[in-house]
Amino acid sequence: MSATAVHSLWTTAAEPIAKIDAPKIEYGQLAPVLIVIGAALVGILIEAFVPRKSRYHAQLFVSVVALVASFAAIVALAADGYGTTKARIAAMGAIAVDGPALFLQGTILLAALVSLFTFAERRLDPAAHGSRVDSFAAQAAAVPGSESEQKAVKAGFATTEVFPLLLFAVAGMLVFPAANDLLTLFVALEVFSLPLYLLCALARRKRLLSQEAAVKYFLLGAFASAFTLFGIALVYGYAGSMSYATIARVVDGTLPNVTPALADTTGNDALLLIGAALIVMGLLFKVGAVPFHMWTPDTYQGAPTPVTGFMAAATKTAAFGALLRILYVVLPGLRWDWRPVMWGVAIVTMLVGAIVAITQTDIKRLLAYSAVSHAGFILAGVIATTPSAISSVLFYLVTYSFVTIGAFAVVTLVRDAGGEATHLSKWAGLGRRSPLVAAVFAVFLLAFAGIPLTSGFAGKFAVFKAAAEGGAVPLVVVGVISSAIAAFFYIRVIVLMFFSEPRPDGPTVAVPSALTMMTIAFGVAVTVVLGVAPQYFLDLAGQAGVFAR
């Protein structure tokens, strides 16, 4: 090769590349997420630099301040009109700042704050070697039952890493329903899933059961993530874009300037249909819909109860938010394809959840199958595709979240020598031993059953009304039948508590600190207020029910 040729190659390679524009980030509109991520990073630094004795109080303080500040930022954005007239797409098209996003983020933050108090509870277990203990393993890395674990318990260690893990999970959940492109959706999915896999494995009592729950959740979650990622790849192959708006235009056939390459791929609907099915499958796994629900009972039973309550409420809220955005913003052009499938999923989810719950003998597994049937009720609202559908689903998620966290907080109080007494036979006669705790749990069970004057009734009425308006009357009939089946096992627990003789070797009801009391009181207050006077919150959900496109 001559010197001239080499010189010309070199000069071509060395030509200056075009200027790369700096990304334009709207920090004010992303403040709720940034505050939580910042606090989680501070929590990691606390673990590294603060003496072990002071970590618990420092972590609790940082977590509470972060969640309250983030919620205040959401309220400020909503007051400034970002939920309605100023709704927009921020962060170079990655995040939507609109009504549904702000409403769901506010719900997730409140659920996380209320759950945080159960995480921090240190009065329920008897003090170990002079130090108060919480629900989490003394040293997560120690093998259950080993000498190193016994030393950690003796030394009064506590796994205070649960607080930053909670904050990282919350940060992922805040982005998940607001994601406006498929890549952001997937990153958010992983950011909130990984901390949850860890939190599930950290129970202080029954550690092997807890670790088994975490492994099952991790393996099935990894499969679901793989399905989602494969679906994202196929949809990208079909539409040539990750952006929700562009994909929606390609699906509708309204995209201007279609290139010949894009015209080739859009001629093949198989890519779109299989890709969309795989993405929706990943989201249905997260909400615990049948047949993707098999992780739910095992994980709910094995995970530390504060984690179960947080996961049941916040994960469902985030995942339904993402599902709504995918179906209503990205795939409205495929409505006639996805609606029949979702009909089937909703019907099976409602019935399987209600029927299998009847056979359960463990209170946490019973609440897990109850959560499955509630996923079916919410799906009935998702299927409606009417203007009131989004607001009814948003309202239901609020009602369901706080009833669930409250119910699991009550479960942490009923204890015997082995820790929490979750077998149903242990709950016999609880109403005579501790009338107040049994009465509060009965209120939550009646709300789950959808009895009038509870938030559960208002939520179910809203989604069934939306489904009926959307032409899904048979779905409403199945929903009512499922509710009647479910009412049987909720009322059976109430009868067991109030009309059975207490067993002499029965459990005791621990007296919690103000933290768990606040959680339970907040749950009862929301249940009663949203049941007796739901209109203000229904209107709020109605105003928030429009997606930015």
Protein backbone atom coordinates (compact mmCIF):
# COMPACT_ATOMS: atom_id res chain seq x y z
CA MET A 1 0.00 0.00 0.00
CA SER A 2 1.46 3.40 -0.96
CA ALA A 3 2.19 6.14 1.57
CA THR A 4 -0.47 8.34 -0.05
CA ALA A 5 -3.18 5.74 0.50
CA VAL A 6 -2.19 5.30 4.14
CA HIS A 7 -2.14 9.09 4.58
CA SER A 8 -5.61 9.44 3.06
CA LEU A 9 -6.99 6.69 5.37
CA TRP A 10 -5.46 8.39 8.37
CA THR A 11 -6.88 11.79 7.49
CA THR A 12 -10.35 10.28 6.94
CA ALA A 13 -10.28 8.60 10.34
CA ALA A 14 -9.04 11.72 12.07
CA GLU A 15 -11.80 14.02 10.81
CA PRO A 16 -13.63 15.70 13.71
CA ILE A 17 -16.89 13.94 14.59
CA ALA A 18 -20.14 15.90 14.83
CA LYS A 19 -20.74 17.64 18.14
CA ILE A 20 -22.60 15.49 20.67
CA ASP A 21 -25.42 17.46 22.28
CA ALA A 22 -25.63 17.26 26.05
CA PRO A 23 -28.88 15.62 27.20
CA LYS A 24 -31.54 18.00 28.48
CA ILE A 25 -32.72 16.78 31.90
CA GLU A 26 -35.62 18.43 33.74
CA TYR A 27 -34.32 17.93 37.28
CA GLY A 28 -37.32 19.62 38.90
CA GLN A 29 -39.78 17.22 37.25
CA LEU A 30 -37.61 14.21 38.13
CA ALA A 31 -37.09 15.40 41.74
CA PRO A 32 -39.26 12.68 43.39
CA VAL A 33 -37.10 9.90 41.91
CA LEU A 34 -33.78 11.73 42.41
CA ILE A 35 -34.51 12.39 46.11
CA VAL A 36 -35.14 8.69 46.78
CA ILE A 37 -32.06 7.52 44.83
CA GLY A 38 -29.91 10.13 46.62
CA ALA A 39 -31.17 8.94 50.02
CA ALA A 40 -30.48 5.30 49.08
CA LEU A 41 -26.88 6.24 48.24
CA VAL A 42 -26.60 8.11 51.56
CA GLY A 43 -27.88 4.92 53.25
CA ILE A 44 -25.00 2.93 51.70
CA LEU A 45 -22.51 5.52 53.02
CA ILE A 46 -24.12 5.27 56.49
CA GLU A 47 -23.48 1.49 56.42
CA ALA A 48 -19.82 2.17 55.55
CA PHE A 49 -18.97 5.04 57.90
CA VAL A 50 -21.44 5.28 60.82
CA PRO A 51 -20.75 3.19 63.98
CA ARG A 52 -22.95 0.07 64.19
CA LYS A 53 -24.87 1.32 67.27
CA SER A 54 -26.07 4.48 65.52
CA ARG A 55 -26.92 3.01 62.10
CA TYR A 56 -30.51 2.03 62.80
CA HIS A 57 -31.56 5.54 63.87
CA ALA A 58 -29.56 7.24 61.10
CA GLN A 59 -31.04 4.95 58.40
CA LEU A 60 -34.59 5.36 59.71
CA PHE A 61 -34.22 9.15 59.82
CA VAL A 62 -32.79 9.39 56.27
CA SER A 63 -35.45 7.03 54.86
CA VAL A 64 -38.40 8.86 56.46
CA VAL A 65 -37.09 12.30 55.40
CA ALA A 66 -36.47 11.07 51.82
CA LEU A 67 -39.94 9.52 51.39
CA VAL A 68 -41.70 12.57 52.88
CA ALA A 69 -39.62 14.98 50.74
CA SER A 70 -40.27 12.92 47.61
CA PHE A 71 -44.02 12.88 48.33
CA ALA A 72 -43.93 16.66 48.88
CA ALA A 73 -42.23 17.02 45.46
CA ILE A 74 -45.05 14.97 43.86
CA VAL A 75 -47.69 17.20 45.51
CA ALA A 76 -45.82 20.33 44.32
CA LEU A 77 -45.68 19.00 40.73
CA ALA A 78 -49.39 18.13 40.81
CA ALA A 79 -50.27 21.56 42.25
CA ASP A 80 -48.21 23.15 39.47
CA GLY A 81 -50.43 21.45 36.86
CA TYR A 82 -48.05 18.68 35.73
CA GLY A 83 -50.79 16.12 36.32
CA THR A 84 -53.21 17.87 33.95
CA THR A 85 -52.48 20.87 31.70
CA LYS A 86 -48.67 20.77 31.86
CA ALA A 87 -48.31 16.98 31.45
CA ARG A 88 -45.20 16.29 29.40
CA ILE A 89 -42.46 13.83 28.49
CA ALA A 90 -39.21 14.59 30.35
CA ALA A 91 -35.60 13.34 30.31
CA MET A 92 -35.16 13.18 26.52
CA GLY A 93 -38.37 11.19 26.08
CA ALA A 94 -37.61 8.58 28.75
CA ILE A 95 -40.02 9.57 31.56
CA ALA A 96 -43.64 10.74 31.41
CA VAL A 97 -44.68 13.39 33.93
CA ASP A 98 -48.48 13.16 33.79
CA GLY A 99 -51.54 12.47 35.93
CA PRO A 100 -51.34 8.65 36.17
CA ALA A 101 -47.57 8.76 36.81
CA LEU A 102 -47.84 11.32 39.64
CA PHE A 103 -50.89 9.60 41.19
CA LEU A 104 -49.20 6.18 41.20
CA GLN A 105 -45.89 7.60 42.43
CA GLY A 106 -47.69 9.30 45.32
CA THR A 107 -49.44 6.02 46.19
CA ILE A 108 -46.12 4.09 46.07
CA LEU A 109 -44.37 6.66 48.30
CA LEU A 110 -47.16 6.64 50.92
CA ALA A 111 -47.23 2.81 50.86
CA ALA A 112 -43.44 2.75 51.27
CA LEU A 113 -43.55 5.23 54.16
CA VAL A 114 -46.22 3.24 56.01
CA SER A 115 -44.33 -0.03 55.31
CA LEU A 116 -41.09 1.55 56.53
CA PHE A 117 -42.56 1.79 60.04
CA THR A 118 -43.12 -1.99 60.10
CA PHE A 119 -39.53 -2.50 58.85
CA ALA A 120 -38.27 -0.41 61.79
CA GLU A 121 -40.42 -2.15 64.47
CA ARG A 122 -38.22 -3.51 67.30
CA ARG A 123 -40.67 -4.31 70.10
CA LEU A 124 -42.35 -7.49 68.87
CA ASP A 125 -39.60 -10.06 69.48
CA PRO A 126 -38.20 -10.42 72.99
CA ALA A 127 -34.86 -8.64 73.37
CA ALA A 128 -31.91 -10.88 72.42
CA HIS A 129 -28.90 -10.56 74.75
CA GLY A 130 -30.00 -7.14 75.94
CA SER A 131 -30.64 -5.58 72.53
CA ARG A 132 -33.94 -4.95 70.74
CA VAL A 133 -34.37 -6.93 67.50
CA ASP A 134 -36.44 -6.41 64.35
CA SER A 135 -37.86 -8.85 61.78
CA PHE A 136 -34.59 -9.17 59.86
CA ALA A 137 -31.65 -11.56 60.23
CA ALA A 138 -28.85 -10.45 62.58
CA GLN A 139 -26.29 -11.08 59.86
CA ALA A 140 -27.60 -11.85 56.38
CA ALA A 141 -24.35 -13.50 55.21
CA ALA A 142 -24.28 -16.04 58.08
CA VAL A 143 -25.47 -19.59 57.34
CA PRO A 144 -28.78 -20.25 59.19
CA GLY A 145 -28.11 -22.02 62.50
CA SER A 146 -24.33 -21.64 62.21
CA GLU A 147 -21.93 -20.48 64.92
CA SER A 148 -21.37 -17.17 63.13
CA GLU A 149 -25.13 -16.49 63.20
CA GLN A 150 -25.28 -17.19 66.95
CA LYS A 151 -22.33 -14.82 67.51
CA ALA A 152 -24.08 -12.11 65.45
CA VAL A 153 -27.27 -12.49 67.52
CA LYS A 154 -25.26 -12.39 70.77
CA ALA A 155 -23.47 -9.24 69.65
CA GLY A 156 -26.86 -7.60 68.95
CA PHE A 157 -26.20 -7.05 65.23
CA ALA A 158 -29.00 -5.82 62.96
CA THR A 159 -29.28 -5.82 59.16
CA THR A 160 -29.80 -2.08 58.74
CA GLU A 161 -29.10 -2.46 54.99
CA VAL A 162 -32.82 -3.13 54.61
CA PHE A 163 -33.47 0.63 54.61
CA PRO A 164 -31.34 1.53 51.55
CA LEU A 165 -32.63 -1.65 49.84
CA LEU A 166 -36.20 -0.43 50.43
CA LEU A 167 -35.29 2.99 48.97
CA PHE A 168 -33.68 1.47 45.85
CA ALA A 169 -36.81 -0.67 45.33
CA VAL A 170 -39.00 2.45 45.70
CA ALA A 171 -36.83 4.39 43.21
CA GLY A 172 -37.31 1.64 40.60
CA MET A 173 -41.06 1.54 41.32
CA LEU A 174 -41.35 5.32 40.84
CA VAL A 175 -39.79 5.09 37.37
CA PHE A 176 -41.65 1.91 36.30
CA PRO A 177 -45.18 3.34 35.76
CA ALA A 178 -43.72 6.61 34.37
CA ALA A 179 -41.31 5.00 31.87
CA ASN A 180 -41.95 6.28 28.35
CA ASP A 181 -39.60 4.00 26.43
CA LEU A 182 -39.01 0.26 26.61
CA LEU A 183 -35.39 0.51 27.74
CA THR A 184 -36.29 2.73 30.73
CA LEU A 185 -39.10 0.28 31.55
CA PHE A 186 -36.66 -2.64 31.67
CA VAL A 187 -34.02 -0.79 33.72
CA ALA A 188 -36.70 0.26 36.24
CA LEU A 189 -37.98 -3.35 36.41
CA GLU A 190 -34.51 -4.61 37.38
CA VAL A 191 -33.83 -1.72 39.79
CA PHE A 192 -36.88 -2.55 41.91
CA SER A 193 -36.79 -6.35 41.51
CA LEU A 194 -33.23 -7.00 42.71
CA PRO A 195 -33.64 -5.32 46.15
CA LEU A 196 -36.91 -7.24 46.64
CA TYR A 197 -35.18 -10.59 45.93
CA LEU A 198 -32.69 -9.73 48.70
CA LEU A 199 -35.28 -8.43 51.17
CA CYS A 200 -37.30 -11.66 50.85
CA ALA A 201 -34.32 -13.70 52.10
CA LEU A 202 -33.66 -11.75 55.31
CA ALA A 203 -36.18 -13.10 57.85
CA ARG A 204 -34.82 -13.44 61.41
CA ARG A 205 -37.01 -16.47 62.21
CA LYS A 206 -37.58 -19.38 59.77
CA ARG A 207 -34.56 -18.33 57.76
CA LEU A 208 -34.49 -21.39 55.49
CA LEU A 209 -38.12 -20.83 54.50
CA SER A 210 -37.27 -17.18 53.84
CA GLN A 211 -34.28 -18.08 51.65
CA GLU A 212 -36.35 -20.62 49.74
CA ALA A 213 -38.98 -17.92 49.09
CA ALA A 214 -36.29 -15.55 47.80
CA VAL A 215 -34.78 -18.18 45.48
CA LYS A 216 -38.20 -19.04 44.01
CA TYR A 217 -38.99 -15.35 43.52
CA PHE A 218 -35.56 -14.72 41.98
CA LEU A 219 -35.70 -17.65 39.53
CA LEU A 220 -39.23 -16.95 38.34
CA GLY A 221 -38.50 -13.20 38.29
CA ALA A 222 -35.44 -13.85 36.12
CA PHE A 223 -37.61 -15.80 33.66
CA ALA A 224 -40.15 -12.97 33.59
CA SER A 225 -37.39 -10.39 33.01
CA ALA A 226 -36.03 -12.53 30.16
CA PHE A 227 -39.49 -12.71 28.55
CA THR A 228 -39.85 -8.94 28.89
CA LEU A 229 -36.42 -8.29 27.37
CA PHE A 230 -37.07 -10.67 24.48
CA GLY A 231 -40.41 -8.96 23.87
CA ILE A 232 -38.72 -5.54 23.89
CA ALA A 233 -36.20 -6.80 21.29
CA LEU A 234 -38.99 -8.08 19.01
CA VAL A 235 -41.04 -4.86 19.30
CA TYR A 236 -37.90 -2.83 18.58
CA GLY A 237 -37.29 -5.03 15.54
CA TYR A 238 -40.84 -4.33 14.38
CA ALA A 239 -41.04 -0.56 15.00
CA GLY A 240 -37.37 0.47 14.79
CA SER A 241 -37.77 2.51 18.00
CA MET A 242 -37.92 2.11 21.78
CA SER A 243 -40.13 5.18 22.26
CA TYR A 244 -43.76 4.51 23.23
CA ALA A 245 -45.10 7.28 20.97
CA THR A 246 -43.18 6.11 17.89
CA ILE A 247 -44.17 2.47 18.42
CA ALA A 248 -47.83 3.54 18.81
CA ARG A 249 -47.62 5.48 15.51
CA VAL A 250 -46.03 2.54 13.69
CA VAL A 251 -48.75 0.20 15.04
CA ASP A 252 -51.51 2.66 13.99
CA GLY A 253 -49.88 3.26 10.61
CA THR A 254 -49.75 7.03 11.22
CA LEU A 255 -45.92 7.41 11.20
CA PRO A 256 -44.78 9.86 8.50
CA ASN A 257 -41.61 9.19 6.43
CA VAL A 258 -41.50 5.39 6.68
CA THR A 259 -38.11 4.14 5.45
CA PRO A 260 -37.96 1.10 3.12
CA ALA A 261 -36.28 -0.95 5.90
CA LEU A 262 -39.09 -0.09 8.34
CA ALA A 263 -41.71 -0.87 5.70
CA ASP A 264 -40.17 -4.37 5.41
CA THR A 265 -40.37 -5.12 9.15
CA THR A 266 -43.82 -3.60 9.69
CA GLY A 267 -45.14 -5.95 7.02
CA ASN A 268 -44.60 -8.80 9.52
CA ASP A 269 -47.14 -8.56 12.36
CA ALA A 270 -45.72 -11.68 14.06
CA LEU A 271 -42.85 -9.60 15.51
CA LEU A 272 -45.30 -7.13 17.04
CA LEU A 273 -47.80 -9.67 18.35
CA ILE A 274 -45.22 -12.01 19.92
CA GLY A 275 -43.18 -9.07 21.28
CA ALA A 276 -46.19 -7.36 22.83
CA ALA A 277 -47.38 -10.68 24.33
CA LEU A 278 -43.97 -11.27 25.96
CA ILE A 279 -43.80 -7.74 27.44
CA VAL A 280 -47.34 -8.04 28.83
CA MET A 281 -46.47 -11.50 30.19
CA GLY A 282 -43.59 -10.00 32.18
CA LEU A 283 -45.91 -7.37 33.65
CA LEU A 284 -48.62 -9.93 34.47
CA PHE A 285 -45.97 -11.89 36.41
CA LYS A 286 -45.28 -8.80 38.53
CA VAL A 287 -48.99 -8.25 39.31
CA GLY A 288 -49.42 -11.94 40.18
CA ALA A 289 -52.05 -12.80 37.54
CA VAL A 290 -52.83 -16.45 36.74
CA PRO A 291 -51.01 -18.40 35.26
CA PHE A 292 -47.95 -16.31 36.27
CA HIS A 293 -48.84 -16.32 39.98
CA MET A 294 -47.03 -19.43 41.23
CA TRP A 295 -44.34 -17.42 43.08
CA THR A 296 -46.92 -15.41 45.04
CA PRO A 297 -48.01 -17.79 47.87
CA ASP A 298 -44.51 -19.17 48.54
CA THR A 299 -42.86 -15.74 48.51
CA TYR A 300 -45.57 -14.07 50.62
CA GLN A 301 -45.34 -16.87 53.18
CA GLY A 302 -41.55 -17.06 53.42
CA ALA A 303 -40.55 -13.38 53.20
CA PRO A 304 -40.36 -11.28 56.41
CA THR A 305 -43.93 -10.04 56.94
CA PRO A 306 -43.05 -6.30 56.69
CA VAL A 307 -41.49 -7.04 53.27
CA THR A 308 -44.56 -9.05 52.21
CA GLY A 309 -46.85 -6.11 53.01
CA PHE A 310 -44.63 -3.63 51.15
CA MET A 311 -44.21 -5.93 48.16
CA ALA A 312 -47.90 -6.79 47.92
CA ALA A 313 -48.93 -3.12 47.86
CA ALA A 314 -46.17 -1.23 46.06
CA THR A 315 -45.17 -3.81 43.41
CA LYS A 316 -48.80 -4.24 42.32
CA THR A 317 -49.27 -0.46 42.07
CA ALA A 318 -46.10 0.02 39.99
CA ALA A 319 -46.76 -2.96 37.72
CA PHE A 320 -50.40 -2.05 37.00
CA GLY A 321 -49.26 1.50 36.21
CA ALA A 322 -46.75 0.17 33.67
CA LEU A 323 -49.35 -2.26 32.23
CA LEU A 324 -51.88 0.56 31.77
CA ARG A 325 -49.31 2.72 29.97
CA ILE A 326 -48.24 -0.13 27.66
CA LEU A 327 -51.83 -1.07 26.73
CA TYR A 328 -53.29 2.46 26.52
CA VAL A 329 -50.34 4.45 25.10
CA VAL A 330 -48.31 1.92 23.07
CA LEU A 331 -50.85 -0.67 21.95
CA PRO A 332 -54.26 1.01 21.56
CA GLY A 333 -54.04 0.00 17.87
CA LEU A 334 -53.90 -3.66 18.96
CA ARG A 335 -56.93 -3.42 21.24
CA TRP A 336 -58.88 -6.10 19.38
CA ASP A 337 -55.94 -8.48 19.78
CA TRP A 338 -55.12 -7.99 23.46
CA ARG A 339 -58.62 -7.55 24.91
CA PRO A 340 -59.84 -11.17 24.38
CA VAL A 341 -56.61 -12.53 25.91
CA MET A 342 -56.89 -10.20 28.91
CA TRP A 343 -60.53 -11.23 29.34
CA GLY A 344 -59.37 -14.83 29.74
CA VAL A 345 -56.55 -13.89 32.12
CA ALA A 346 -58.86 -11.72 34.28
CA ILE A 347 -61.56 -14.43 34.56
CA VAL A 348 -59.08 -17.19 35.45
CA THR A 349 -57.24 -14.91 37.91
CA MET A 350 -60.42 -13.94 39.79
CA LEU A 351 -61.70 -17.51 40.04
CA VAL A 352 -58.41 -19.31 40.81
CA GLY A 353 -57.47 -16.74 43.47
CA ALA A 354 -60.83 -17.03 45.22
CA ILE A 355 -61.25 -20.81 44.98
CA VAL A 356 -57.69 -21.84 45.98
CA ALA A 357 -57.74 -19.40 48.93
CA ILE A 358 -60.54 -21.49 50.52
CA THR A 359 -58.13 -24.43 50.99
CA GLN A 360 -55.34 -22.43 52.68
CA THR A 361 -54.44 -23.01 56.32
CA ASP A 362 -51.75 -20.31 56.63
CA ILE A 363 -52.89 -16.70 57.00
CA LYS A 364 -50.07 -15.33 54.79
CA ARG A 365 -50.81 -17.82 52.00
CA LEU A 366 -54.51 -16.98 52.30
CA LEU A 367 -53.71 -13.27 51.85
CA ALA A 368 -51.44 -14.20 48.90
CA TYR A 369 -54.29 -15.93 47.03
CA SER A 370 -56.52 -13.03 48.02
CA ALA A 371 -53.95 -10.76 46.30
CA VAL A 372 -54.18 -12.95 43.18
CA SER A 373 -57.98 -12.56 43.02
CA HIS A 374 -57.64 -8.78 43.53
CA ALA A 375 -55.26 -8.68 40.55
CA GLY A 376 -58.13 -10.18 38.53
CA PHE A 377 -60.58 -7.49 39.75
CA ILE A 378 -58.12 -4.73 38.77
CA LEU A 379 -57.62 -6.35 35.35
CA ALA A 380 -61.38 -6.06 34.81
CA GLY A 381 -60.92 -2.30 35.08
CA VAL A 382 -57.88 -2.35 32.76
CA ILE A 383 -59.88 -4.18 30.08
CA ALA A 384 -62.66 -1.56 30.07
CA THR A 385 -60.72 0.88 27.80
CA THR A 386 -63.18 3.69 28.66
CA PRO A 387 -62.23 7.14 30.05
CA SER A 388 -63.27 5.99 33.54
CA ALA A 389 -61.17 2.80 33.30
CA ILE A 390 -57.85 4.43 34.19
CA SER A 391 -59.28 6.40 37.13
CA SER A 392 -61.10 3.32 38.52
CA VAL A 393 -57.86 1.28 38.42
CA LEU A 394 -55.90 4.12 40.09
CA PHE A 395 -58.53 4.36 42.85
CA TYR A 396 -58.60 0.59 43.39
CA LEU A 397 -54.80 0.50 43.74
CA VAL A 398 -54.95 3.13 46.52
CA THR A 399 -57.68 1.28 48.42
CA TYR A 400 -55.97 -2.10 48.04
CA SER A 401 -52.47 -0.88 49.02
CA PHE A 402 -53.28 0.40 52.50
CA VAL A 403 -55.67 -2.42 53.42
CA THR A 404 -52.92 -4.90 52.49
CA ILE A 405 -50.14 -3.17 54.44
CA GLY A 406 -52.46 -2.85 57.46
CA ALA A 407 -53.45 -6.53 57.31
CA PHE A 408 -49.85 -7.74 57.17
CA ALA A 409 -48.93 -5.36 60.02
CA VAL A 410 -51.61 -7.07 62.17
CA VAL A 411 -50.16 -10.50 61.21
CA THR A 412 -46.80 -9.44 62.72
CA LEU A 413 -48.47 -8.97 66.15
CA VAL A 414 -49.82 -12.51 66.67
CA ARG A 415 -46.86 -14.50 67.97
CA ASP A 416 -45.83 -17.70 69.74
CA ALA A 417 -42.46 -19.12 70.79
CA GLY A 418 -41.42 -19.64 67.15
CA GLY A 419 -42.16 -16.08 66.05
CA GLU A 420 -45.27 -15.15 64.09
CA ALA A 421 -48.15 -17.61 64.50
CA THR A 422 -49.45 -17.71 60.92
CA HIS A 423 -51.30 -21.06 61.02
CA LEU A 424 -55.04 -20.35 60.99
CA SER A 425 -55.73 -22.74 63.88
CA LYS A 426 -53.63 -20.45 66.12
CA TRP A 427 -55.98 -17.53 65.41
CA ALA A 428 -58.97 -19.32 66.99
CA GLY A 429 -60.48 -17.25 69.79
CA LEU A 430 -58.24 -14.25 69.12
CA GLY A 431 -61.28 -11.97 69.53
CA ARG A 432 -61.56 -12.98 73.20
CA ARG A 433 -57.85 -12.69 73.95
CA SER A 434 -57.32 -9.39 72.15
CA PRO A 435 -60.62 -7.89 70.97
CA LEU A 436 -59.05 -4.72 69.51
CA VAL A 437 -56.51 -6.53 67.28
CA ALA A 438 -59.16 -9.01 66.10
CA ALA A 439 -61.62 -6.16 65.37
CA VAL A 440 -59.01 -4.25 63.32
CA PHE A 441 -58.13 -7.39 61.34
CA ALA A 442 -61.85 -8.00 60.77
CA VAL A 443 -62.17 -4.48 59.29
CA PHE A 444 -59.36 -5.26 56.82
CA LEU A 445 -60.92 -8.63 55.91
CA LEU A 446 -64.32 -6.98 55.30
CA ALA A 447 -62.59 -4.42 53.05
CA PHE A 448 -60.93 -7.25 51.09
CA ALA A 449 -64.35 -8.87 50.73
CA GLY A 450 -65.82 -5.61 49.39
CA ILE A 451 -68.46 -5.10 52.09
CA PRO A 452 -70.25 -1.67 51.80
CA LEU A 453 -68.86 1.24 53.86
CA THR A 454 -65.28 -0.06 53.38
CA SER A 455 -62.77 1.13 50.80
CA GLY A 456 -62.84 -2.32 49.17
CA PHE A 457 -66.50 -1.86 48.20
CA ALA A 458 -65.85 1.58 46.65
CA GLY A 459 -62.85 0.21 44.70
CA LYS A 460 -64.69 -2.85 43.38
CA PHE A 461 -67.74 -0.78 42.48
CA ALA A 462 -65.54 1.63 40.50
CA VAL A 463 -63.75 -1.06 38.43
CA PHE A 464 -66.92 -3.11 37.83
CA LYS A 465 -68.80 0.02 36.73
CA ALA A 466 -65.97 0.90 34.30
CA ALA A 467 -65.92 -2.69 32.97
CA ALA A 468 -69.71 -2.70 32.46
CA GLU A 469 -69.53 0.64 30.60
CA GLY A 470 -66.78 -0.85 28.41
CA GLY A 471 -69.06 -3.72 27.36
CA ALA A 472 -67.51 -6.34 29.65
CA VAL A 473 -70.72 -7.26 31.54
CA PRO A 474 -69.91 -11.03 31.63
CA LEU A 475 -66.62 -10.12 33.30
CA VAL A 476 -68.50 -8.17 35.99
CA VAL A 477 -70.75 -11.20 36.61
CA VAL A 478 -67.68 -13.43 37.08
CA GLY A 479 -66.19 -10.75 39.35
CA VAL A 480 -69.28 -10.66 41.57
CA ILE A 481 -69.33 -14.48 41.80
CA SER A 482 -65.61 -14.49 42.69
CA SER A 483 -66.24 -11.82 45.34
CA ALA A 484 -68.96 -13.99 46.86
CA ILE A 485 -66.60 -17.01 46.97
CA ALA A 486 -63.86 -14.84 48.49
CA ALA A 487 -66.25 -13.43 51.11
CA PHE A 488 -66.67 -16.99 52.41
CA PHE A 489 -63.04 -17.41 53.49
CA TYR A 490 -62.68 -13.84 54.82
CA ILE A 491 -65.77 -14.27 56.98
CA ARG A 492 -64.58 -17.75 58.00
CA VAL A 493 -61.48 -16.14 59.57
CA ILE A 494 -63.69 -13.58 61.38
CA VAL A 495 -65.90 -16.40 62.72
CA LEU A 496 -62.78 -18.31 63.80
CA MET A 497 -61.48 -15.26 65.72
CA PHE A 498 -64.72 -14.30 67.49
CA PHE A 499 -66.78 -17.49 67.82
CA SER A 500 -64.18 -20.16 68.65
CA GLU A 501 -62.75 -21.05 72.01
CA PRO A 502 -59.18 -19.81 72.47
CA ARG A 503 -56.65 -22.65 72.74
CA PRO A 504 -54.73 -22.91 76.03
CA ASP A 505 -51.43 -23.08 74.10
CA GLY A 506 -52.54 -20.28 71.75
CA PRO A 507 -50.36 -17.37 70.69
CA THR A 508 -50.01 -14.05 72.45
CA VAL A 509 -50.56 -10.64 70.88
CA ALA A 510 -47.39 -8.57 71.15
CA VAL A 511 -47.70 -4.91 72.11
CA PRO A 512 -45.98 -2.98 69.30
CA SER A 513 -44.24 0.37 69.41
CA ALA A 514 -45.85 3.53 68.03
CA LEU A 515 -44.40 2.67 64.58
CA THR A 516 -46.59 -0.39 63.89
CA MET A 517 -49.54 1.29 65.63
CA MET A 518 -49.26 4.20 63.15
CA THR A 519 -49.18 1.77 60.23
CA ILE A 520 -52.31 -0.07 61.40
CA ALA A 521 -54.13 3.16 62.34
CA PHE A 522 -53.37 4.65 58.93
CA GLY A 523 -54.67 1.48 57.23
CA VAL A 524 -57.92 1.57 59.23
CA ALA A 525 -58.38 5.32 58.59
CA VAL A 526 -57.92 4.94 54.81
CA THR A 527 -60.22 1.89 54.75
CA VAL A 528 -63.02 3.74 56.55
CA VAL A 529 -62.62 7.16 54.89
CA LEU A 530 -62.46 5.77 51.34
CA GLY A 531 -65.44 3.55 52.15
CA VAL A 532 -67.67 6.23 53.68
CA ALA A 533 -66.65 9.27 51.57
CA PRO A 534 -64.79 8.11 48.46
CA GLN A 535 -65.95 10.89 46.11
CA TYR A 536 -63.05 13.31 46.61
CA PHE A 537 -60.50 10.58 45.88
CA LEU A 538 -62.50 9.27 42.91
CA ASP A 539 -62.50 12.82 41.49
CA LEU A 540 -58.75 13.07 42.13
CA ALA A 541 -58.18 9.78 40.27
CA GLY A 542 -60.49 11.05 37.49
CA GLN A 543 -58.43 14.23 37.05
CA ALA A 544 -55.24 12.14 37.02
CA GLY A 545 -56.56 9.63 34.48
CA VAL A 546 -55.09 11.10 31.25
CA PHE A 547 -51.77 9.87 29.84
CA ALA A 548 -49.32 12.26 28.18
CA ARG A 549 -48.67 10.95 24.69
